[in-house]
Structures are given as structure tokens and as C-alpha cells.
C-alpha atoms as a PDB file:
ATOM      1  CA  MET A   1       1.250   1.129 -13.193  1.00  0.00           C
ATOM      2  CA  GLY A   2       1.018  -0.960 -10.047  1.00  0.00           C
ATOM      3  CA  CYS A   3       3.818  -3.192 -11.306  1.00  0.00           C
ATOM      4  CA  VAL A   4       6.290  -0.317 -10.943  1.00  0.00           C
ATOM      5  CA  ASN A   5       7.681  -1.355  -7.563  1.00  0.00           C
ATOM      6  CA  GLY A   6       9.432   1.535  -5.869  1.00  0.00           C
ATOM      7  CA  ALA A   7      11.410  -0.529  -3.358  1.00  0.00           C
ATOM      8  CA  TYR A   8      12.772  -2.833  -6.040  1.00  0.00           C
ATOM      9  CA  TYR A   9      13.921  -0.082  -8.395  1.00  0.00           C
ATOM     10  CA  VAL A  10      15.254   2.214  -5.659  1.00  0.00           C
ATOM     11  CA  THR A  11      17.292  -0.626  -4.158  1.00  0.00           C
ATOM     12  CA  ARG A  12      18.567  -1.652  -7.608  1.00  0.00           C
ATOM     13  CA  TYR A  13      19.605   1.921  -8.317  1.00  0.00           C
ATOM     14  CA  LEU A  14      21.091   2.874  -4.930  1.00  0.00           C
ATOM     15  CA  ALA A  15      22.623  -0.459  -3.858  1.00  0.00           C
ATOM     16  CA  GLY A  16      22.707  -2.592  -6.995  1.00  0.00           C
ATOM     17  CA  LYS A  17      20.813  -5.321  -5.145  1.00  0.00           C
ATOM     18  CA  ASP A  18      17.431  -7.047  -5.206  1.00  0.00           C
ATOM     19  CA  ILE A  19      15.337  -5.904  -2.212  1.00  0.00           C
ATOM     20  CA  ARG A  20      13.571  -9.274  -2.218  1.00  0.00           C
ATOM     21  CA  LEU A  21      16.855 -10.888  -1.158  1.00  0.00           C
ATOM     22  CA  LEU A  22      17.499  -8.427   1.674  1.00  0.00           C
ATOM     23  CA  GLY A  23      16.058  -8.040   5.171  1.00  0.00           C
ATOM     24  CA  SER A  24      12.478  -9.267   5.386  1.00  0.00           C
ATOM     25  CA  GLY A  25      12.455 -10.064   1.658  1.00  0.00           C
ATOM     26  CA  ASN A  26       9.473  -7.778   1.149  1.00  0.00           C
ATOM     27  CA  ALA A  27       9.600  -5.411  -1.807  1.00  0.00           C
ATOM     28  CA  GLY A  28       8.071  -2.565   0.163  1.00  0.00           C
ATOM     29  CA  ALA A  29       8.910   0.820   1.641  1.00  0.00           C
ATOM     30  CA  ARG A  30       9.527  -0.450   5.162  1.00  0.00           C
ATOM     31  CA  ASN A  31      12.137  -2.985   4.057  1.00  0.00           C
ATOM     32  CA  ALA A  32      13.704  -0.427   1.712  1.00  0.00           C
ATOM     33  CA  GLY A  33      13.973   1.975   4.631  1.00  0.00           C
ATOM     34  CA  ARG A  34      15.589  -0.643   6.810  1.00  0.00           C
ATOM     35  CA  GLN A  35      18.086  -1.559   4.098  1.00  0.00           C
ATOM     36  CA  LEU A  36      18.790   1.878   2.603  1.00  0.00           C
ATOM     37  CA  GLY A  37      17.886   4.335   5.347  1.00  0.00           C
ATOM     38  CA  LYS A  38      15.639   7.381   5.177  1.00  0.00           C
ATOM     39  CA  ARG A  39      16.627   8.197   1.611  1.00  0.00           C
ATOM     40  CA  GLY A  40      15.628   4.771   0.309  1.00  0.00           C
ATOM     41  CA  PHE A  41      12.388   4.902   2.280  1.00  0.00           C
ATOM     42  CA  ALA A  42      11.541   8.379   0.971  1.00  0.00           C
ATOM     43  CA  PHE A  43      12.313   7.535  -2.672  1.00  0.00           C
ATOM     44  CA  THR A  44      10.227   4.365  -2.399  1.00  0.00           C
ATOM     45  CA  LEU A  45       7.309   6.343  -0.961  1.00  0.00           C
ATOM     46  CA  VAL A  46       7.510   8.918  -3.743  1.00  0.00           C
ATOM     47  CA  ILE A  47       7.401   6.233  -6.421  1.00  0.00           C
ATOM     48  CA  ASP A  48       4.601   4.186  -4.842  1.00  0.00           C
ATOM     49  CA  ILE A  49       2.474   7.218  -3.969  1.00  0.00           C
ATOM     50  CA  GLY A  50       3.189   8.758  -7.362  1.00  0.00           C
ATOM     51  CA  LYS A  51       2.166   5.702  -9.370  1.00  0.00           C
ATOM     52  CA  THR A  52      -1.088   5.399  -7.427  1.00  0.00           C
ATOM     53  CA  ILE A  53      -2.040   9.068  -7.700  1.00  0.00           C
ATOM     54  CA  LEU A  54      -1.032   9.246 -11.369  1.00  0.00           C
ATOM     55  CA  ALA A  55      -3.143   6.179 -12.214  1.00  0.00           C
ATOM     56  CA  LEU A  56      -6.149   7.563 -10.353  1.00  0.00           C
ATOM     57  CA  LEU A  57      -5.743  11.038 -11.844  1.00  0.00           C
ATOM     58  CA  THR A  58      -5.630   9.522 -15.319  1.00  0.00           C
ATOM     59  CA  VAL A  59      -8.727   7.407 -14.724  1.00  0.00           C
ATOM     60  CA  SER A  60     -10.518  10.340 -13.090  1.00  0.00           C
ATOM     61  CA  PHE A  61      -9.888  12.412 -16.196  1.00  0.00           C
ATOM     62  CA  ILE A  62     -10.858   9.649 -18.641  1.00  0.00           C
ATOM     63  CA  ALA A  63     -13.893   8.405 -16.669  1.00  0.00           C
ATOM     64  CA  ASP A  64     -14.961  11.904 -15.583  1.00  0.00           C
ATOM     65  CA  GLY A  65     -14.530  11.038 -11.897  1.00  0.00           C
ATOM     66  CA  GLY A  66     -16.662   7.889 -11.997  1.00  0.00           C
ATOM     67  CA  GLU A  67     -16.490   6.133  -8.628  1.00  0.00           C
ATOM     68  CA  LEU A  68     -16.566   2.588  -9.988  1.00  0.00           C
ATOM     69  CA  ALA A  69     -13.822   3.311 -12.530  1.00  0.00           C
ATOM     70  CA  LEU A  70     -11.666   4.845  -9.793  1.00  0.00           C
ATOM     71  CA  ILE A  71     -12.110   1.884  -7.451  1.00  0.00           C
ATOM     72  CA  ILE A  72     -11.367  -0.591 -10.242  1.00  0.00           C
ATOM     73  CA  SER A  73      -8.234   1.399 -11.038  1.00  0.00           C
ATOM     74  CA  ALA A  74      -7.175   1.438  -7.364  1.00  0.00           C
ATOM     75  CA  VAL A  75      -7.674  -2.339  -7.185  1.00  0.00           C
ATOM     76  CA  ALA A  76      -5.620  -2.781 -10.369  1.00  0.00           C
ATOM     77  CA  VAL A  77      -2.760  -0.668  -8.999  1.00  0.00           C
ATOM     78  CA  LEU A  78      -2.807  -2.595  -5.723  1.00  0.00           C
ATOM     79  CA  LEU A  79      -2.855  -5.989  -7.450  1.00  0.00           C
ATOM     80  CA  GLY A  80      -0.004  -4.877  -9.717  1.00  0.00           C
ATOM     81  CA  HIS A  81       1.951  -3.785  -6.633  1.00  0.00           C
ATOM     82  CA  LEU A  82       1.306  -7.059  -4.813  1.00  0.00           C
ATOM     83  CA  PHE A  83       2.000  -9.229  -7.860  1.00  0.00           C
ATOM     84  CA  PRO A  84       4.279  -7.403 -10.347  1.00  0.00           C
ATOM     85  CA  PHE A  85       4.680  -9.664 -13.361  1.00  0.00           C
ATOM     86  CA  GLN A  86       8.240  -8.517 -14.129  1.00  0.00           C
ATOM     87  CA  LEU A  87       9.292  -9.448 -10.565  1.00  0.00           C
ATOM     88  CA  ARG A  88       7.809 -12.941 -10.806  1.00  0.00           C
ATOM     89  CA  PHE A  89       4.743 -11.807  -8.840  1.00  0.00           C
ATOM     90  CA  GLN A  90       6.777 -10.971  -5.696  1.00  0.00           C
ATOM     91  CA  GLY A  91       5.833  -7.421  -4.751  1.00  0.00           C
ATOM     92  CA  GLY A  92       5.172  -5.350  -1.671  1.00  0.00           C
ATOM     93  CA  LYS A  93       2.358  -5.629   0.844  1.00  0.00           C
ATOM     94  CA  GLY A  94       0.366  -2.688  -0.464  1.00  0.00           C
ATOM     95  CA  VAL A  95       0.031  -0.388   2.533  1.00  0.00           C
ATOM     96  CA  VAL A  96       1.369   2.693   0.722  1.00  0.00           C
ATOM     97  CA  VAL A  97      -0.813   2.020  -2.326  1.00  0.00           C
ATOM     98  CA  PHE A  98      -3.881   1.562  -0.093  1.00  0.00           C
ATOM     99  CA  LEU A  99      -3.183   4.785   1.804  1.00  0.00           C
ATOM    100  CA  SER A 100      -2.436   6.684  -1.418  1.00  0.00           C
ATOM    101  CA  ALA A 101      -5.671   5.517  -3.025  1.00  0.00           C
ATOM    102  CA  THR A 102      -7.551   6.546   0.116  1.00  0.00           C
ATOM    103  CA  LEU A 103      -5.854   9.934   0.094  1.00  0.00           C
ATOM    104  CA  PHE A 104      -6.990  10.453  -3.490  1.00  0.00           C
ATOM    105  CA  LEU A 105     -10.534   9.106  -3.085  1.00  0.00           C
ATOM    106  CA  VAL A 106     -11.492  10.139   0.463  1.00  0.00           C
ATOM    107  CA  PRO A 107      -8.783  12.388   1.939  1.00  0.00           C
ATOM    108  CA  GLU A 108     -10.774  12.936   5.144  1.00  0.00           C
ATOM    109  CA  ALA A 109     -10.464   9.223   5.932  1.00  0.00           C
ATOM    110  CA  ILE A 110      -6.677   9.645   6.160  1.00  0.00           C
ATOM    111  CA  LEU A 111      -7.180  12.154   8.978  1.00  0.00           C
ATOM    112  CA  VAL A 112      -9.250   9.613  10.950  1.00  0.00           C
ATOM    113  CA  THR A 113      -6.628   6.937  10.257  1.00  0.00           C
ATOM    114  CA  GLY A 114      -3.862   9.213  11.509  1.00  0.00           C
ATOM    115  CA  ILE A 115      -5.736  10.089  14.698  1.00  0.00           C
ATOM    116  CA  VAL A 116      -6.481   6.427  15.470  1.00  0.00           C
ATOM    117  CA  LEU A 117      -2.852   5.481  14.773  1.00  0.00           C
ATOM    118  CA  ALA A 118      -1.534   8.269  17.013  1.00  0.00           C
ATOM    119  CA  ILE A 119      -3.830   7.303  19.896  1.00  0.00           C
ATOM    120  CA  GLY A 120      -2.963   3.623  19.468  1.00  0.00           C
ATOM    121  CA  TYR A 121       0.744   4.369  19.445  1.00  0.00           C
ATOM    122  CA  LEU A 122       0.476   6.507  22.589  1.00  0.00           C
ATOM    123  CA  LEU A 123      -1.368   3.691  24.358  1.00  0.00           C
ATOM    124  CA  PHE A 124       0.725   0.714  23.202  1.00  0.00           C
ATOM    125  CA  ARG A 125       4.054   2.218  22.034  1.00  0.00           C
ATOM    126  CA  ARG A 126       3.907  -0.013  18.983  1.00  0.00           C
ATOM    127  CA  PHE A 127       2.742   0.487  15.430  1.00  0.00           C
ATOM    128  CA  THR A 128       1.595  -2.965  14.309  1.00  0.00           C
ATOM    129  CA  LEU A 129      -1.754  -3.369  16.080  1.00  0.00           C
ATOM    130  CA  PRO A 130      -2.644   0.344  16.062  1.00  0.00           C
ATOM    131  CA  GLY A 131      -1.664   0.427  12.381  1.00  0.00           C
ATOM    132  CA  LEU A 132      -3.983  -2.452  11.585  1.00  0.00           C
ATOM    133  CA  VAL A 133      -6.846  -0.891  13.526  1.00  0.00           C
ATOM    134  CA  SER A 134      -6.252   2.499  11.909  1.00  0.00           C
ATOM    135  CA  LEU A 135      -6.301   0.952   8.417  1.00  0.00           C
ATOM    136  CA  ALA A 136      -9.563  -0.794   9.292  1.00  0.00           C
ATOM    137  CA  THR A 137     -11.183   2.604   9.901  1.00  0.00           C
ATOM    138  CA  ILE A 138     -10.799   3.595   6.250  1.00  0.00           C
ATOM    139  CA  PRO A 139     -13.767   1.731   4.733  1.00  0.00           C
ATOM    140  CA  ILE A 140     -15.964   2.826   7.656  1.00  0.00           C
ATOM    141  CA  SER A 141     -14.940   6.468   7.720  1.00  0.00           C
ATOM    142  CA  SER A 142     -15.187   6.663   3.926  1.00  0.00           C
ATOM    143  CA  TRP A 143     -18.898   5.872   4.256  1.00  0.00           C
ATOM    144  CA  PHE A 144     -19.372   8.687   6.764  1.00  0.00           C
ATOM    145  CA  PHE A 145     -17.565  11.217   4.598  1.00  0.00           C
ATOM    146  CA  THR A 146     -18.937  10.246   1.175  1.00  0.00           C
ATOM    147  CA  ALA A 147     -22.016   8.028   1.703  1.00  0.00           C
ATOM    148  CA  SER A 148     -20.640   6.122  -1.275  1.00  0.00           C
ATOM    149  CA  LEU A 149     -21.223   2.407  -1.157  1.00  0.00           C
ATOM    150  CA  VAL A 150     -18.822   2.012  -4.089  1.00  0.00           C
ATOM    151  CA  TYR A 151     -15.962   3.697  -2.213  1.00  0.00           C
ATOM    152  CA  SER A 152     -16.708   1.932   1.070  1.00  0.00           C
ATOM    153  CA  ILE A 153     -16.875  -1.549  -0.471  1.00  0.00           C
ATOM    154  CA  GLY A 154     -13.928  -0.849  -2.773  1.00  0.00           C
ATOM    155  CA  LEU A 155     -11.756   0.403   0.092  1.00  0.00           C
ATOM    156  CA  LEU A 156     -12.844  -2.590   2.180  1.00  0.00           C
ATOM    157  CA  PHE A 157     -11.651  -4.848  -0.641  1.00  0.00           C
ATOM    158  CA  LEU A 158      -8.310  -2.996  -0.763  1.00  0.00           C
ATOM    159  CA  PHE A 159      -7.968  -3.299   3.023  1.00  0.00           C
ATOM    160  CA  LEU A 160      -8.674  -7.046   2.914  1.00  0.00           C
ATOM    161  CA  ALA A 161      -6.133  -7.500   0.102  1.00  0.00           C
ATOM    162  CA  VAL A 162      -3.480  -5.722   2.201  1.00  0.00           C
ATOM    163  CA  ILE A 163      -4.334  -7.877   5.233  1.00  0.00           C
ATOM    164  CA  LEU A 164      -4.181 -11.007   3.094  1.00  0.00           C
ATOM    165  CA  ALA A 165      -0.786  -9.945   1.690  1.00  0.00           C
ATOM    166  CA  HIS A 166       0.513  -9.494   5.245  1.00  0.00           C
ATOM    167  CA  THR A 167      -0.950 -12.796   6.404  1.00  0.00           C
ATOM    168  CA  LEU A 168       0.531 -14.764   3.515  1.00  0.00           C
ATOM    169  CA  SER A 169       3.955 -13.199   4.035  1.00  0.00           C
ATOM    170  CA  LEU A 170       4.006 -14.367   7.672  1.00  0.00           C
ATOM    171  CA  ARG A 171       3.947 -18.016   6.695  1.00  0.00           C
ATOM    172  CA  PRO A 172       7.324 -19.748   6.752  1.00  0.00           C
ATOM    173  CA  SER A 173       8.877 -20.601   3.429  1.00  0.00           C
ATOM    174  CA  SER A 174       8.263 -24.100   2.172  1.00  0.00           C
ATOM    175  CA  THR A 175      11.771 -24.359   0.788  1.00  0.00           C
ATOM    176  CA  SER A 176      14.570 -25.693   2.914  1.00  0.00           C
ATOM    177  CA  ASN A 177      18.301 -25.182   2.885  1.00  0.00           C
ATOM    178  CA  THR A 178      19.159 -28.870   3.215  1.00  0.00           C
END
């Protein structure tokens, strides 16, 4: 389910274009919002949140709520989002999938994340650094709310995958136009 990339399909449908060739080139909600406005952003969020929650609901039902099965499923959705095979492994950065999985697994952690983000934004008037710090609270706060090592380590892995996806996308392209 992770391979269903909301930004790609919304941009194809609304603009007839490939989101990976527009703006930042990222197949994610932020780029979709910049290219298509609030409507494109909202549709992308609905798809990416929906695919994550649907996958986790399905696994929760099949695995009777087993923590390890849910984390493995969340990792699979995130990896599919980052590397969708039908898009030649060029997906989004995974923030929405990470937050959606957290919302499903440890909803209280989202509250902590939101508070940290709000405080950071008020202090710095930017989202990037406060956003990073707020995302980093998820594996820690999940431990406090659930005492589940499986959730804490799994959410740490998801966080690191999102950070890695952002880090790799900051590198300049090795192709040249000459």
C-alpha cells in the first residue's frame, strides 16, 4: 500500500503532470501543495494518511493488534512510500506516513509532537528545525505512553528512515545539463 503515492496521483489527475518533474521534484504533500495549492495538498494528505491507516487497520485485525506485526507493517508502508516500484523508486520523504503511523500506534505522541512544534515555531518562526525536533520526540514519548520497546524502536527506525530520505534528497544531482 505504501507504493500508492498520493502526490504523484493527485498531480497526474489534477494537472496531468508528473510531480517529480515539478518544484522540488519530491513526490510528497509539501511539493504537491506548492504546485497545486491547498486542494492538492489536502488530497495528497488524505491519500497518504488513508493508505497508512488502512494498512495498519488491516494488520491490526489480522494480527490481533500484535505490536511487532504493526511496526513491520508501518515500516513496509514507509519503505513503499519512499521507494514506490511503479515510480522507479522515486517517492516522497515519508513525513506524513510516519506521522500517520504514529497517530495509529501511539496517538498521545502526536500531541507531544504538536506542542513541541508549536513552541519551536513561536521561538524561531520557522518549521524546519522545530519540525525535526518535534519528530524526534515520537520514539521517546511513545516509550512514556506505552512502555513498549517494540513501538519505541520501531518508531525510531521510521524516524531515522525519514531523516535519511531528507538527507539524501539534499544532495545535488550527479547528472549535468551539458
